[in-house]
Amino acid sequence: MKITLEIPDWTSERDIYIFAGIESVAYKKFDGDKFNVKTSRCDMCGKCCADPPLKFKKVDGMCEYYNKYTGCSLGILRPFGCSVGDPYINGDSDVAEYCSIGY
């Protein structure tokens, strides 16, 4: 699928994310020159959910909302930080080694 957008100038100093439902599909850092498009999806291994945001508690070492069969049970209500929690976006090289997400 190809989408063409004219993005307003006021966004030039902000990160831009494109989503399909609750999964990020592409992003562009404000200081970058192009969009990074996802080539491989999350396989819901749960390793990112082992370190949940502080407002969520851990249950058996995982975020209280993680389900190993369906991923995050919050769905579209999950926090933005979790939705863009891809290790490649956040630069966490330890996580990136096992992560199935690719750009």
N, C-alpha and C. Protein backbone atom coordinates (compact mmCIF):
# COMPACT_ATOMS: atom_id res chain seq x y z
N MET A 1 0.84 -1.16 0.00
CA MET A 1 0.00 0.00 0.00
C MET A 1 0.89 1.24 0.00
N LYS A 2 0.53 2.21 -0.77
CA LYS A 2 1.28 3.46 -0.81
C LYS A 2 0.34 4.59 -0.39
N ILE A 3 0.81 5.40 0.54
CA ILE A 3 0.05 6.55 1.01
C ILE A 3 0.89 7.80 0.79
N THR A 4 0.28 8.82 0.24
CA THR A 4 0.96 10.09 0.05
C THR A 4 0.31 11.13 0.94
N LEU A 5 1.10 11.80 1.76
CA LEU A 5 0.60 12.82 2.68
C LEU A 5 1.40 14.10 2.55
N GLU A 6 0.73 15.20 2.69
CA GLU A 6 1.42 16.47 2.82
C GLU A 6 1.38 16.81 4.30
N ILE A 7 2.52 16.77 4.94
CA ILE A 7 2.59 16.99 6.39
C ILE A 7 2.90 18.47 6.65
N PRO A 8 2.13 19.11 7.53
CA PRO A 8 2.32 20.54 7.78
C PRO A 8 3.71 20.86 8.35
N ASP A 9 4.17 22.06 8.06
CA ASP A 9 5.50 22.50 8.50
C ASP A 9 5.65 22.51 10.02
N TRP A 10 4.56 22.75 10.76
CA TRP A 10 4.68 22.84 12.21
C TRP A 10 5.13 21.53 12.85
N THR A 11 5.12 20.44 12.09
CA THR A 11 5.57 19.15 12.63
C THR A 11 7.07 18.93 12.48
N SER A 12 7.77 19.86 11.87
CA SER A 12 9.19 19.66 11.54
C SER A 12 10.08 19.44 12.76
N GLU A 13 9.66 19.89 13.92
CA GLU A 13 10.47 19.70 15.13
C GLU A 13 9.84 18.69 16.09
N ARG A 14 9.08 17.76 15.55
CA ARG A 14 8.42 16.73 16.36
C ARG A 14 8.62 15.36 15.72
N ASP A 15 8.63 14.33 16.56
CA ASP A 15 8.65 12.96 16.04
C ASP A 15 7.27 12.67 15.44
N ILE A 16 7.23 11.88 14.37
CA ILE A 16 5.98 11.52 13.72
C ILE A 16 5.86 9.99 13.71
N TYR A 17 4.70 9.48 14.13
CA TYR A 17 4.43 8.04 14.15
C TYR A 17 3.18 7.75 13.33
N ILE A 18 3.19 6.65 12.60
CA ILE A 18 2.02 6.18 11.87
C ILE A 18 1.64 4.83 12.45
N PHE A 19 0.35 4.66 12.75
CA PHE A 19 -0.14 3.45 13.40
C PHE A 19 -1.13 2.70 12.53
N ALA A 20 -1.19 1.39 12.71
CA ALA A 20 -2.26 0.55 12.19
C ALA A 20 -2.92 -0.03 13.44
N GLY A 21 -4.03 0.54 13.84
CA GLY A 21 -4.63 0.15 15.11
C GLY A 21 -3.73 0.61 16.24
N ILE A 22 -3.25 -0.33 17.06
CA ILE A 22 -2.38 0.04 18.19
C ILE A 22 -0.91 -0.25 17.91
N GLU A 23 -0.58 -0.73 16.74
CA GLU A 23 0.81 -1.06 16.43
C GLU A 23 1.43 0.02 15.55
N SER A 24 2.60 0.50 15.95
CA SER A 24 3.28 1.48 15.12
C SER A 24 3.76 0.80 13.84
N VAL A 25 3.62 1.52 12.72
CA VAL A 25 3.97 0.98 11.41
C VAL A 25 5.19 1.69 10.85
N ALA A 26 5.30 2.98 11.15
CA ALA A 26 6.42 3.78 10.65
C ALA A 26 6.65 4.95 11.59
N TYR A 27 7.87 5.46 11.60
CA TYR A 27 8.17 6.63 12.41
C TYR A 27 9.26 7.45 11.74
N LYS A 28 9.30 8.70 12.11
CA LYS A 28 10.34 9.61 11.65
C LYS A 28 10.71 10.50 12.82
N LYS A 29 11.96 10.47 13.20
CA LYS A 29 12.43 11.35 14.27
C LYS A 29 12.52 12.76 13.71
N PHE A 30 12.31 13.77 14.55
CA PHE A 30 12.29 15.15 14.06
C PHE A 30 13.58 15.55 13.38
N ASP A 31 14.69 14.96 13.77
CA ASP A 31 15.97 15.31 13.14
C ASP A 31 16.37 14.33 12.03
N GLY A 32 15.47 13.41 11.68
CA GLY A 32 15.75 12.45 10.61
C GLY A 32 15.27 12.98 9.27
N ASP A 33 15.74 12.34 8.22
CA ASP A 33 15.37 12.81 6.89
C ASP A 33 14.37 11.90 6.17
N LYS A 34 14.04 10.74 6.78
CA LYS A 34 13.10 9.83 6.13
C LYS A 34 12.33 9.03 7.16
N PHE A 35 11.24 8.42 6.70
CA PHE A 35 10.45 7.55 7.56
C PHE A 35 11.09 6.17 7.60
N ASN A 36 11.05 5.53 8.76
CA ASN A 36 11.48 4.15 8.94
C ASN A 36 10.21 3.32 8.97
N VAL A 37 10.08 2.40 8.02
CA VAL A 37 8.87 1.60 7.88
C VAL A 37 9.12 0.19 8.41
N LYS A 38 8.18 -0.31 9.20
CA LYS A 38 8.32 -1.62 9.82
C LYS A 38 8.25 -2.72 8.76
N THR A 39 9.21 -3.63 8.78
CA THR A 39 9.22 -4.76 7.85
C THR A 39 8.86 -6.07 8.52
N SER A 40 9.00 -6.13 9.85
CA SER A 40 8.66 -7.34 10.62
C SER A 40 7.87 -6.93 11.85
N ARG A 41 6.80 -7.64 12.12
CA ARG A 41 5.91 -7.30 13.23
C ARG A 41 6.35 -7.90 14.56
N CYS A 42 5.75 -7.39 15.60
CA CYS A 42 5.96 -7.89 16.95
C CYS A 42 5.39 -9.31 17.05
N ASP A 43 6.12 -10.23 17.70
CA ASP A 43 5.61 -11.58 17.87
C ASP A 43 5.04 -11.79 19.28
N MET A 44 4.86 -10.69 20.03
CA MET A 44 4.27 -10.68 21.37
C MET A 44 5.00 -11.61 22.34
N CYS A 45 6.33 -11.58 22.29
CA CYS A 45 7.11 -12.42 23.20
C CYS A 45 6.99 -11.96 24.65
N GLY A 46 6.66 -10.69 24.87
CA GLY A 46 6.44 -10.18 26.22
C GLY A 46 7.65 -9.60 26.90
N LYS A 47 8.82 -9.65 26.28
CA LYS A 47 10.02 -9.14 26.95
C LYS A 47 9.93 -7.65 27.21
N CYS A 48 9.29 -6.90 26.34
CA CYS A 48 9.09 -5.46 26.58
C CYS A 48 8.15 -5.24 27.76
N CYS A 49 7.23 -6.17 27.98
CA CYS A 49 6.23 -6.03 29.05
C CYS A 49 6.78 -6.45 30.41
N ALA A 50 8.02 -6.91 30.44
CA ALA A 50 8.63 -7.30 31.71
C ALA A 50 9.09 -6.07 32.49
N ASP A 51 9.09 -4.91 31.86
CA ASP A 51 9.47 -3.67 32.51
C ASP A 51 8.38 -2.63 32.24
N PRO A 52 7.21 -2.80 32.87
CA PRO A 52 6.06 -1.93 32.55
C PRO A 52 6.24 -0.51 33.10
N PRO A 53 5.46 0.43 32.56
CA PRO A 53 5.47 1.78 33.12
C PRO A 53 5.15 1.73 34.61
N LEU A 54 5.61 2.69 35.37
CA LEU A 54 5.46 2.68 36.82
C LEU A 54 4.02 2.61 37.29
N LYS A 55 3.07 3.11 36.49
CA LYS A 55 1.68 3.09 36.95
C LYS A 55 1.05 1.70 36.86
N PHE A 56 1.72 0.74 36.23
CA PHE A 56 1.22 -0.62 36.15
C PHE A 56 2.03 -1.51 37.09
N LYS A 57 1.35 -2.45 37.72
CA LYS A 57 2.08 -3.36 38.60
C LYS A 57 2.49 -4.61 37.85
N LYS A 58 3.47 -5.28 38.42
CA LYS A 58 3.93 -6.54 37.83
C LYS A 58 3.19 -7.71 38.47
N VAL A 59 2.84 -8.67 37.64
CA VAL A 59 2.24 -9.91 38.10
C VAL A 59 3.07 -11.03 37.47
N ASP A 60 3.68 -11.87 38.29
CA ASP A 60 4.56 -12.93 37.79
C ASP A 60 5.67 -12.38 36.90
N GLY A 61 6.18 -11.19 37.24
CA GLY A 61 7.29 -10.60 36.51
C GLY A 61 6.92 -9.85 35.24
N MET A 62 5.63 -9.78 34.93
CA MET A 62 5.18 -9.12 33.70
C MET A 62 4.18 -8.02 34.06
N CYS A 63 3.95 -7.11 33.13
CA CYS A 63 2.93 -6.08 33.30
C CYS A 63 1.59 -6.76 33.57
N GLU A 64 0.80 -6.16 34.45
CA GLU A 64 -0.48 -6.76 34.81
C GLU A 64 -1.42 -6.94 33.61
N TYR A 65 -1.20 -6.22 32.52
CA TYR A 65 -2.09 -6.28 31.37
C TYR A 65 -1.57 -7.19 30.25
N TYR A 66 -0.41 -7.80 30.43
CA TYR A 66 0.15 -8.67 29.40
C TYR A 66 -0.52 -10.04 29.42
N ASN A 67 -0.85 -10.55 28.23
CA ASN A 67 -1.40 -11.88 28.06
C ASN A 67 -0.56 -12.58 27.00
N LYS A 68 0.03 -13.72 27.33
CA LYS A 68 0.96 -14.36 26.39
C LYS A 68 0.30 -14.82 25.10
N TYR A 69 -1.01 -14.89 25.05
CA TYR A 69 -1.70 -15.33 23.84
C TYR A 69 -2.19 -14.16 22.98
N THR A 70 -2.54 -13.06 23.62
CA THR A 70 -3.14 -11.95 22.87
C THR A 70 -2.36 -10.65 22.99
N GLY A 71 -1.28 -10.61 23.76
CA GLY A 71 -0.54 -9.36 23.94
C GLY A 71 -1.18 -8.51 25.02
N CYS A 72 -1.23 -7.21 24.80
CA CYS A 72 -1.75 -6.27 25.79
C CYS A 72 -3.27 -6.29 25.83
N SER A 73 -3.82 -6.52 27.01
CA SER A 73 -5.28 -6.57 27.13
C SER A 73 -5.92 -5.19 27.15
N LEU A 74 -5.11 -4.13 27.24
CA LEU A 74 -5.67 -2.78 27.20
C LEU A 74 -6.08 -2.38 25.78
N GLY A 75 -5.54 -3.07 24.78
CA GLY A 75 -5.88 -2.78 23.40
C GLY A 75 -5.61 -1.33 23.04
N ILE A 76 -6.58 -0.69 22.44
CA ILE A 76 -6.40 0.68 21.97
C ILE A 76 -6.25 1.68 23.13
N LEU A 77 -6.57 1.27 24.34
CA LEU A 77 -6.46 2.14 25.51
C LEU A 77 -5.07 2.11 26.14
N ARG A 78 -4.17 1.31 25.60
CA ARG A 78 -2.84 1.25 26.21
C ARG A 78 -2.12 2.58 26.01
N PRO A 79 -1.22 2.91 26.93
CA PRO A 79 -0.52 4.20 26.88
C PRO A 79 0.32 4.34 25.62
N PHE A 80 0.49 5.57 25.18
CA PHE A 80 1.28 5.85 23.99
C PHE A 80 2.68 5.26 24.11
N GLY A 81 3.30 5.39 25.28
CA GLY A 81 4.65 4.86 25.49
C GLY A 81 4.75 3.38 25.23
N CYS A 82 3.70 2.64 25.54
CA CYS A 82 3.70 1.20 25.26
C CYS A 82 3.50 0.95 23.77
N SER A 83 2.69 1.77 23.12
CA SER A 83 2.42 1.60 21.70
C SER A 83 3.64 1.86 20.84
N VAL A 84 4.52 2.72 21.30
CA VAL A 84 5.74 3.00 20.54
C VAL A 84 6.94 2.44 21.28
N GLY A 85 6.71 1.37 22.04
CA GLY A 85 7.75 0.77 22.84
C GLY A 85 8.72 -0.11 22.07
N ASP A 86 8.70 -0.02 20.74
CA ASP A 86 9.63 -0.82 19.95
C ASP A 86 11.07 -0.49 20.33
N PRO A 87 11.89 -1.49 20.60
CA PRO A 87 13.27 -1.23 21.03
C PRO A 87 14.08 -0.48 19.99
N TYR A 88 13.75 -0.64 18.72
CA TYR A 88 14.51 0.06 17.70
C TYR A 88 14.23 1.56 17.74
N ILE A 89 13.03 1.93 18.13
CA ILE A 89 12.68 3.34 18.27
C ILE A 89 13.36 3.92 19.50
N ASN A 90 13.33 3.16 20.58
CA ASN A 90 13.87 3.65 21.85
C ASN A 90 15.37 3.44 21.97
N GLY A 91 15.97 2.71 21.07
CA GLY A 91 17.42 2.54 21.06
C GLY A 91 17.96 1.58 22.10
N ASP A 92 17.16 0.65 22.57
CA ASP A 92 17.60 -0.32 23.58
C ASP A 92 18.25 -1.51 22.88
N SER A 93 19.58 -1.48 22.74
CA SER A 93 20.28 -2.51 21.97
C SER A 93 20.19 -3.89 22.60
N ASP A 94 20.08 -3.98 23.94
CA ASP A 94 19.95 -5.29 24.57
C ASP A 94 18.64 -5.95 24.17
N VAL A 95 17.59 -5.17 24.09
CA VAL A 95 16.29 -5.69 23.69
C VAL A 95 16.30 -6.00 22.20
N ALA A 96 16.91 -5.14 21.42
CA ALA A 96 16.90 -5.28 19.96
C ALA A 96 17.51 -6.61 19.50
N GLU A 97 18.37 -7.21 20.28
CA GLU A 97 19.02 -8.46 19.88
C GLU A 97 18.02 -9.60 19.74
N TYR A 98 16.99 -9.66 20.59
CA TYR A 98 16.04 -10.76 20.51
C TYR A 98 14.72 -10.34 19.85
N CYS A 99 14.51 -9.06 19.64
CA CYS A 99 13.22 -8.57 19.18
C CYS A 99 12.96 -8.96 17.72
N SER A 100 11.71 -9.33 17.44
CA SER A 100 11.32 -9.74 16.09
C SER A 100 11.00 -8.54 15.19
N ILE A 101 10.86 -7.36 15.77
CA ILE A 101 10.50 -6.17 14.99
C ILE A 101 11.68 -5.73 14.14
N GLY A 102 11.40 -5.41 12.90
CA GLY A 102 12.45 -4.93 11.99
C GLY A 102 11.96 -3.74 11.21
N TYR A 103 12.90 -2.85 10.89
CA TYR A 103 12.59 -1.65 10.08
C TYR A 103 13.47 -1.64 8.86
